[in-house]
Amino acid sequence: MQSMASWGNQLYAGDKSYRFIPNRKKWVSIGGIVILIAALLLIFRGLNPGIEFQGGSQFSLANVKTTEQSIAYDVMAENGITEGVKVSQLGTNGLRVQSPEVSSEQTPQVREALAEAYEIDPGDVDATVIGPSWGADVTKKALQSLVIFLVLVGAMMAFYFRSWTMSVSALWALTHDIFLTVGFFSLVQVEVSPATVIGFLTILAYSLYDTVVVFDRVRELTANVTKQSKYTFGEMVNLAVNQTLVRSINTSIVALLPVGSILFLGSFLLGAGTLTDISLALFVGMTVGTLSSVLIAPSVLVLLEEHRGKIGAHTKRVMVERGELKEEDTKDKGSSSAGEAGDKEPLKVAAPTPGRHLGQQAQPKRKKRK
C-alpha cells in the first residue's frame, strides 16, 4: 500500500496528477447548483432559530435523578403550554426546558411543578425570560460582521496577491461555504443559537486560510507563465492544487478530529448544548471549506483568467504549438475553447517544481583523494 509521504511526493513532482482544473466547469456548476439549493431551502424551509432569536421562557433543571424528557413535556402540557416546547439534556444530570414566554404569574407555578416532577428542590430550577430583541441584535451584529469580513477579505486578497481575479475567486469560495453550511442547518433543522452563528463566522477564517495556501502556490508557479510556451496557466494551477492537496488533507484532518470529538461528546455523552451548536457548525464548515479551496476557488480563478487577453492569448499559443489547436481556429474561438482543447488529456507538469529530488545520479561526485 502506498504511503501518504510517497503519494505526496508524486503529486508534488508532477508524476501523479488529478484532473481538478480540467474539470473546472463541472466543479463551478456543482457549486452554483448547491448554492441555489441552499437558497431555496432557506426560502421555503427556513432555519430553526433558538429561543435567543425568538424570545421565550427557559427553565434550567440541575441535579435531576432522571433525564427522561417526556416528564417535562407532560408538566408543560398540564400547565397549558403545548406548542413550541423544546426539552434538551444538559450534561449527565441536567435538563433545559424552553417554551414561548410564560407570564410572570404562571412562572412560579411551572417552576414548582417541574421540581416536583423530577423530585428536586425548587431552588435547582432556574427560570429566565429572554426577549426577542436580544436575538435581533445578535442577528444584526452577525450580518454586519459578515459584510465587514468579506469586504476586508476582498481588499486583503487583492493587495496580497496583486490580482483581482484571486480576490473574486476567494470570495466566491467563501460564499459557497456560507450557503452550503447554512443550507445544511436548514435541511436537518438543527437549532441555530448564538454559538452556531459564532461557528459560521469561524469557518470563514479557516476556509480563507486554506484558499490562501493554494493561491500562494499558484502565484509561485505562474509568476512567469506567459514567458514560456510549454505549459498553460490552467495546467500550472492544476499542478499547484495537486502539490498542496496533501497539506490541505492533513490540515483538515488535524482540525476535524478535535471538533468531531467535541461534537460526539456534546451530542451523545453530555447532551445537546453550546458544544453541539458550535461544533456542528465547525465540522460542516471545515469540511466544506476544504473542498471549496481545492475545487471551487482554483476553478473560478482559471475561468476568470482565461477570459483575460494576456492569459487567453498565451493559452491559445501553447495549444497551437502543441498541435492541439489550429491557428485559424484561434481567430474564431475564445480562450476558453483553447483551454478545453488541452483538457482532453492532462499533461504531467514536472519541470517548474523547485525542491524536487533528482536522484543520486544528479548529485555532485566526490573527487578521489590522491
Protein backbone atom coordinates (compact mmCIF):
# COMPACT_ATOMS: atom_id res chain seq x y z
CA MET A 1 0.00 0.00 0.00
CA GLN A 2 1.36 3.40 -0.97
CA SER A 3 2.26 5.66 1.93
CA MET A 4 0.95 9.20 2.30
CA ALA A 5 4.51 10.55 2.00
CA SER A 6 5.15 8.68 -1.27
CA TRP A 7 1.78 9.79 -2.64
CA GLY A 8 2.51 13.39 -1.68
CA ASN A 9 5.95 13.30 -3.32
CA GLN A 10 4.43 12.04 -6.56
CA LEU A 11 1.84 14.82 -6.52
CA TYR A 12 4.46 17.47 -5.82
CA ALA A 13 6.82 16.25 -8.54
CA GLY A 14 4.02 16.01 -11.10
CA ASP A 15 4.43 12.25 -11.56
CA LYS A 16 0.84 11.84 -10.41
CA SER A 17 -1.91 14.34 -11.13
CA TYR A 18 -5.66 14.63 -10.56
CA ARG A 19 -7.88 16.46 -13.04
CA PHE A 20 -9.09 19.29 -10.83
CA ILE A 21 -8.74 22.15 -13.29
CA PRO A 22 -9.62 20.19 -16.47
CA ASN A 23 -13.00 19.59 -14.78
CA ARG A 24 -13.28 23.20 -13.62
CA LYS A 25 -16.63 23.88 -15.30
CA LYS A 26 -18.10 20.82 -13.61
CA TRP A 27 -16.96 21.93 -10.13
CA VAL A 28 -18.16 25.51 -10.62
CA SER A 29 -21.52 24.27 -11.93
CA ILE A 30 -21.96 21.90 -9.00
CA GLY A 31 -21.06 24.71 -6.62
CA GLY A 32 -23.63 27.00 -8.24
CA ILE A 33 -26.32 24.32 -8.04
CA VAL A 34 -25.52 23.74 -4.36
CA ILE A 35 -25.83 27.47 -3.64
CA LEU A 36 -29.20 27.55 -5.46
CA ILE A 37 -30.48 24.55 -3.49
CA ALA A 38 -29.33 26.09 -0.21
CA ALA A 39 -31.05 29.38 -1.09
CA LEU A 40 -34.30 27.54 -1.87
CA LEU A 41 -34.08 25.67 1.44
CA LEU A 42 -33.67 28.95 3.29
CA ILE A 43 -36.64 30.48 1.48
CA PHE A 44 -39.12 27.61 1.75
CA ARG A 45 -37.89 25.66 4.79
CA GLY A 46 -36.04 28.29 6.76
CA LEU A 47 -33.86 27.81 9.82
CA ASN A 48 -34.79 26.56 13.27
CA PRO A 49 -33.89 29.56 15.44
CA GLY A 50 -33.28 29.05 19.14
CA ILE A 51 -35.01 30.85 21.96
CA GLU A 52 -32.35 33.56 21.85
CA PHE A 53 -33.69 34.69 18.47
CA GLN A 54 -37.42 34.11 19.04
CA GLY A 55 -37.71 35.03 22.68
CA GLY A 56 -39.47 32.98 25.35
CA SER A 57 -39.03 31.34 28.74
CA GLN A 58 -36.34 28.90 29.76
CA PHE A 59 -36.24 26.57 32.79
CA SER A 60 -32.88 25.02 33.66
CA LEU A 61 -33.03 21.98 35.96
CA ALA A 62 -30.00 20.70 37.89
CA ASN A 63 -29.34 17.55 39.94
CA VAL A 64 -32.25 15.62 38.44
CA LYS A 65 -32.44 11.91 39.22
CA THR A 66 -33.66 11.08 35.73
CA THR A 67 -33.20 12.85 32.41
CA GLU A 68 -36.42 11.48 30.92
CA GLN A 69 -37.63 14.33 28.70
CA SER A 70 -41.24 13.16 28.40
CA ILE A 71 -41.83 14.18 32.02
CA ALA A 72 -41.07 17.80 31.22
CA TYR A 73 -43.39 17.74 28.20
CA ASP A 74 -46.20 16.38 30.40
CA VAL A 75 -45.65 19.07 33.03
CA MET A 76 -45.74 21.86 30.44
CA ALA A 77 -48.89 20.38 28.87
CA GLU A 78 -50.60 20.25 32.29
CA ASN A 79 -49.92 23.97 32.62
CA GLY A 80 -51.48 24.72 29.24
CA ILE A 81 -48.22 25.03 27.26
CA THR A 82 -48.28 22.54 24.42
CA GLU A 83 -46.77 24.32 21.42
CA GLY A 84 -43.17 25.42 20.92
CA VAL A 85 -41.81 23.38 23.85
CA LYS A 86 -38.22 22.08 23.48
CA VAL A 87 -36.52 19.86 26.05
CA SER A 88 -32.82 19.00 25.86
CA GLN A 89 -30.34 17.33 28.15
CA LEU A 90 -27.53 19.32 29.77
CA GLY A 91 -24.68 17.16 31.00
CA THR A 92 -25.47 13.98 32.89
CA ASN A 93 -27.93 15.37 35.45
CA GLY A 94 -29.43 18.49 33.92
CA LEU A 95 -32.29 19.48 31.64
CA ARG A 96 -33.27 22.60 29.75
CA VAL A 97 -36.91 23.33 29.02
CA GLN A 98 -37.69 26.11 26.52
CA SER A 99 -41.12 27.41 25.62
CA PRO A 100 -42.93 30.53 24.43
CA GLU A 101 -42.87 33.26 27.01
CA VAL A 102 -44.66 32.29 30.24
CA SER A 103 -46.35 35.04 32.24
CA SER A 104 -44.76 36.21 35.46
CA GLU A 105 -47.77 34.87 37.40
CA GLN A 106 -47.50 31.39 35.87
CA THR A 107 -43.70 31.07 36.03
CA PRO A 108 -43.53 30.10 39.77
CA GLN A 109 -46.26 27.50 39.19
CA VAL A 110 -44.41 25.87 36.29
CA ARG A 111 -41.14 26.01 38.23
CA GLU A 112 -42.59 24.19 41.23
CA ALA A 113 -44.32 21.63 39.01
CA LEU A 114 -41.04 20.78 37.27
CA ALA A 115 -39.23 20.50 40.61
CA GLU A 116 -41.90 18.17 41.96
CA ALA A 117 -41.96 16.01 38.84
CA TYR A 118 -38.20 15.48 38.89
CA GLU A 119 -38.01 15.24 42.70
CA ILE A 120 -35.58 18.12 43.17
CA ASP A 121 -35.56 21.28 45.24
CA PRO A 122 -37.30 24.29 43.61
CA GLY A 123 -34.00 26.15 44.05
CA ASP A 124 -32.47 23.79 41.47
CA VAL A 125 -34.86 25.12 38.82
CA ASP A 126 -33.70 28.39 37.28
CA ALA A 127 -36.35 30.32 35.35
CA THR A 128 -35.35 33.06 32.88
CA VAL A 129 -37.16 35.10 30.27
CA ILE A 130 -35.37 36.02 27.03
CA GLY A 131 -36.71 38.84 24.90
CA PRO A 132 -36.68 38.64 21.09
CA SER A 133 -34.89 41.99 20.86
CA TRP A 134 -31.67 40.38 22.09
CA GLY A 135 -31.81 37.82 19.29
CA ALA A 136 -32.48 40.58 16.76
CA ASP A 137 -29.38 42.41 17.96
CA VAL A 138 -27.31 39.23 17.65
CA THR A 139 -28.55 38.68 14.09
CA LYS A 140 -27.83 42.27 13.12
CA LYS A 141 -24.31 42.16 14.55
CA ALA A 142 -23.63 38.82 12.86
CA LEU A 143 -24.67 40.17 9.45
CA GLN A 144 -22.59 43.30 9.99
CA SER A 145 -19.59 41.18 10.93
CA LEU A 146 -20.08 39.04 7.83
CA VAL A 147 -20.21 42.04 5.47
CA ILE A 148 -17.17 43.66 7.09
CA PHE A 149 -15.27 40.37 6.94
CA LEU A 150 -15.98 39.84 3.23
CA VAL A 151 -15.00 43.41 2.35
CA LEU A 152 -11.73 43.15 4.26
CA VAL A 153 -11.01 39.73 2.76
CA GLY A 154 -11.54 41.02 -0.77
CA ALA A 155 -9.26 44.00 -0.16
CA MET A 156 -6.61 41.87 1.55
CA MET A 157 -6.56 39.24 -1.20
CA ALA A 158 -6.33 41.87 -3.93
CA PHE A 159 -3.48 43.63 -2.11
CA TYR A 160 -1.57 40.48 -1.16
CA PHE A 161 -1.76 38.69 -4.49
CA ARG A 162 -1.96 41.82 -6.67
CA SER A 163 -4.80 40.11 -8.52
CA TRP A 164 -8.49 40.92 -8.52
CA THR A 165 -9.28 37.51 -10.02
CA MET A 166 -7.85 35.75 -6.97
CA SER A 167 -9.84 38.07 -4.73
CA VAL A 168 -13.10 37.32 -6.57
CA SER A 169 -12.35 33.59 -6.60
CA ALA A 170 -11.71 33.52 -2.85
CA LEU A 171 -14.91 35.47 -2.14
CA TRP A 172 -16.93 33.10 -4.32
CA ALA A 173 -15.49 30.12 -2.41
CA LEU A 174 -16.43 31.78 0.89
CA THR A 175 -19.95 32.43 -0.41
CA HIS A 176 -20.18 28.77 -1.37
CA ASP A 177 -19.12 27.74 2.16
CA ILE A 178 -21.64 30.04 3.84
CA PHE A 179 -24.59 28.89 1.74
CA LEU A 180 -23.73 25.21 1.97
CA THR A 181 -23.29 25.29 5.76
CA VAL A 182 -26.44 27.33 6.38
CA GLY A 183 -28.32 25.15 3.89
CA PHE A 184 -27.29 22.06 5.85
CA PHE A 185 -28.75 23.55 9.03
CA SER A 186 -31.93 24.37 7.15
CA LEU A 187 -32.16 20.83 5.79
CA VAL A 188 -31.67 18.99 9.09
CA GLN A 189 -33.47 21.68 11.14
CA VAL A 190 -30.87 21.72 13.90
CA GLU A 191 -31.47 24.59 16.28
CA VAL A 192 -29.50 27.72 15.47
CA SER A 193 -28.14 29.50 18.55
CA PRO A 194 -25.66 32.37 19.03
CA ALA A 195 -22.96 29.70 19.36
CA THR A 196 -23.90 28.43 15.90
CA VAL A 197 -23.51 31.95 14.50
CA ILE A 198 -20.03 32.10 16.05
CA GLY A 199 -19.26 28.80 14.32
CA PHE A 200 -20.46 30.22 10.99
CA LEU A 201 -18.06 33.16 11.27
CA THR A 202 -15.18 30.96 12.42
CA ILE A 203 -15.31 28.64 9.42
CA LEU A 204 -14.86 31.60 7.08
CA ALA A 205 -11.40 32.23 8.52
CA TYR A 206 -10.50 28.54 8.16
CA SER A 207 -11.72 28.38 4.56
CA LEU A 208 -9.84 31.56 3.70
CA TYR A 209 -6.62 30.20 5.21
CA ASP A 210 -6.79 27.05 3.09
CA THR A 211 -7.55 29.06 -0.06
CA VAL A 212 -4.61 31.42 0.58
CA VAL A 213 -2.26 28.42 0.87
CA VAL A 214 -3.38 27.12 -2.54
CA PHE A 215 -3.27 30.55 -4.18
CA ASP A 216 0.17 31.25 -2.74
CA ARG A 217 1.48 28.18 -4.56
CA VAL A 218 -0.40 29.24 -7.70
CA ARG A 219 1.31 32.62 -7.60
CA GLU A 220 4.74 30.98 -7.32
CA LEU A 221 4.21 28.66 -10.27
CA THR A 222 2.50 31.17 -12.56
CA ALA A 223 4.80 34.15 -11.92
CA ASN A 224 6.35 33.91 -15.42
CA VAL A 225 3.86 31.62 -17.10
CA THR A 226 3.49 33.83 -20.20
CA LYS A 227 7.25 33.82 -20.82
CA GLN A 228 7.27 30.14 -21.71
CA SER A 229 5.22 28.13 -24.19
CA LYS A 230 5.34 24.67 -22.66
CA TYR A 231 2.52 24.82 -20.12
CA THR A 232 -0.76 26.71 -19.94
CA PHE A 233 -1.95 28.73 -16.98
CA GLY A 234 -4.59 26.11 -16.21
CA GLU A 235 -2.02 23.32 -16.14
CA MET A 236 0.16 25.24 -13.72
CA VAL A 237 -2.82 25.90 -11.44
CA ASN A 238 -3.70 22.21 -11.58
CA LEU A 239 -0.14 21.40 -10.52
CA ALA A 240 -0.37 23.89 -7.64
CA VAL A 241 -3.60 22.29 -6.40
CA ASN A 242 -2.06 18.82 -6.58
CA GLN A 243 1.07 19.98 -4.77
CA THR A 244 -0.95 21.44 -1.87
CA LEU A 245 -3.52 18.60 -1.78
CA VAL A 246 -1.77 16.55 0.89
CA ARG A 247 -1.27 19.63 3.03
CA SER A 248 -4.95 20.53 2.75
CA ILE A 249 -6.00 17.00 3.70
CA ASN A 250 -3.63 16.82 6.66
CA THR A 251 -4.69 20.25 7.92
CA SER A 252 -8.35 19.31 7.65
CA ILE A 253 -7.90 16.02 9.48
CA VAL A 254 -5.97 17.67 12.29
CA ALA A 255 -8.71 20.31 12.63
CA LEU A 256 -11.67 17.94 12.28
CA LEU A 257 -10.51 15.34 14.81
CA PRO A 258 -10.87 17.57 17.91
CA VAL A 259 -14.03 19.20 16.54
CA GLY A 260 -15.51 15.77 15.83
CA SER A 261 -14.62 14.64 19.35
CA ILE A 262 -16.35 17.69 20.83
CA LEU A 263 -19.38 17.05 18.61
CA PHE A 264 -19.56 13.41 19.75
CA LEU A 265 -19.17 14.28 23.43
CA GLY A 266 -21.66 17.11 23.23
CA SER A 267 -24.29 15.11 21.33
CA PHE A 268 -24.13 11.66 22.88
CA LEU A 269 -22.48 11.97 26.28
CA LEU A 270 -23.13 15.46 27.66
CA GLY A 271 -26.38 16.22 25.90
CA ALA A 272 -27.23 18.95 23.41
CA GLY A 273 -25.93 22.37 24.31
CA THR A 274 -23.47 25.04 23.31
CA LEU A 275 -20.79 22.46 22.50
CA THR A 276 -23.05 20.77 19.97
CA ASP A 277 -24.19 24.05 18.41
CA ILE A 278 -20.73 25.40 17.68
CA SER A 279 -19.00 22.07 16.95
CA LEU A 280 -21.57 21.01 14.33
CA ALA A 281 -21.20 24.33 12.50
CA LEU A 282 -17.40 23.99 12.63
CA PHE A 283 -17.41 20.36 11.47
CA VAL A 284 -19.64 21.00 8.46
CA GLY A 285 -17.97 24.30 7.60
CA MET A 286 -14.40 22.98 7.79
CA THR A 287 -15.28 20.05 5.54
CA VAL A 288 -16.94 22.34 3.01
CA GLY A 289 -14.09 24.86 3.26
CA THR A 290 -11.51 22.21 2.38
CA LEU A 291 -13.46 21.13 -0.68
CA SER A 292 -14.04 24.70 -1.88
CA SER A 293 -10.35 25.63 -1.56
CA VAL A 294 -9.38 22.66 -3.73
CA LEU A 295 -12.25 22.50 -6.21
CA ILE A 296 -14.11 25.82 -6.34
CA ALA A 297 -11.62 28.66 -5.80
CA PRO A 298 -8.91 27.46 -8.28
CA SER A 299 -11.53 26.57 -10.88
CA VAL A 300 -13.13 30.02 -10.71
CA LEU A 301 -9.67 31.59 -10.92
CA VAL A 302 -8.81 29.76 -14.14
CA LEU A 303 -12.19 30.56 -15.70
CA LEU A 304 -11.68 34.26 -14.96
CA GLU A 305 -8.09 34.35 -16.16
CA GLU A 306 -8.90 32.54 -19.40
CA HIS A 307 -11.14 35.43 -20.41
CA ARG A 308 -8.37 37.96 -19.92
CA GLY A 309 -6.39 38.88 -23.01
CA LYS A 310 -2.90 38.02 -21.77
CA ILE A 311 -3.60 34.58 -20.32
CA GLY A 312 -6.10 33.71 -23.03
CA ALA A 313 -3.65 34.54 -25.81
CA HIS A 314 -0.91 32.58 -24.09
CA THR A 315 -3.14 29.51 -23.72
CA LYS A 316 -4.01 29.59 -27.43
CA ARG A 317 -0.35 29.96 -28.36
CA VAL A 318 0.61 26.89 -26.31
CA MET A 319 -2.21 24.87 -27.87
CA VAL A 320 -1.14 25.86 -31.37
CA GLU A 321 2.49 24.91 -30.73
CA ARG A 322 1.42 21.52 -29.39
CA GLY A 323 -0.77 20.92 -32.42
CA GLU A 324 -3.88 20.62 -30.26
CA LEU A 325 -5.41 23.71 -31.85
CA LYS A 326 -5.14 25.07 -35.37
CA GLU A 327 -4.02 28.65 -35.71
CA GLU A 328 -7.03 29.60 -37.81
CA ASP A 329 -9.34 28.29 -35.07
CA THR A 330 -7.97 30.84 -32.61
CA LYS A 331 -9.44 33.66 -34.65
CA ASP A 332 -12.98 32.34 -34.28
CA LYS A 333 -12.92 30.74 -30.86
CA GLY A 334 -12.32 32.31 -27.49
CA SER A 335 -9.65 31.47 -24.98
CA SER A 336 -11.97 29.13 -23.09
CA SER A 337 -12.25 26.91 -26.17
CA ALA A 338 -8.49 26.77 -26.37
CA GLY A 339 -8.30 25.76 -22.77
CA GLU A 340 -10.79 22.98 -23.34
CA ALA A 341 -8.75 21.61 -26.23
CA GLY A 342 -5.88 20.94 -23.89
CA ASP A 343 -8.11 19.34 -21.28
CA LYS A 344 -8.65 16.14 -23.18
CA GLU A 345 -5.60 14.57 -21.58
CA PRO A 346 -3.89 16.12 -18.52
CA LEU A 347 -0.25 16.95 -19.08
CA LYS A 348 2.23 15.88 -16.40
CA VAL A 349 3.93 19.07 -15.38
CA ALA A 350 7.18 18.39 -13.59
CA ALA A 351 9.71 20.98 -14.75
CA PRO A 352 8.83 24.02 -12.62
CA THR A 353 8.85 22.24 -9.27
CA PRO A 354 11.73 23.55 -7.14
CA GLY A 355 12.91 21.25 -4.40
CA ARG A 356 12.33 18.03 -6.31
CA HIS A 357 14.88 15.31 -5.57
CA LEU A 358 16.51 14.31 -8.85
CA GLY A 359 18.14 11.11 -7.62
CA GLN A 360 21.67 10.08 -6.74
CA GLN A 361 22.85 10.34 -10.34
CA ALA A 362 22.25 14.08 -10.31
CA GLN A 363 24.30 14.66 -7.17
CA PRO A 364 27.86 16.05 -7.45
CA LYS A 365 30.56 13.40 -7.46
CA ARG A 366 33.17 13.35 -4.74
CA LYS A 367 36.69 13.63 -6.08
CA LYS A 368 39.08 10.89 -5.13
CA ARG A 369 41.98 11.93 -2.99
CA LYS A 370 45.40 11.42 -4.41
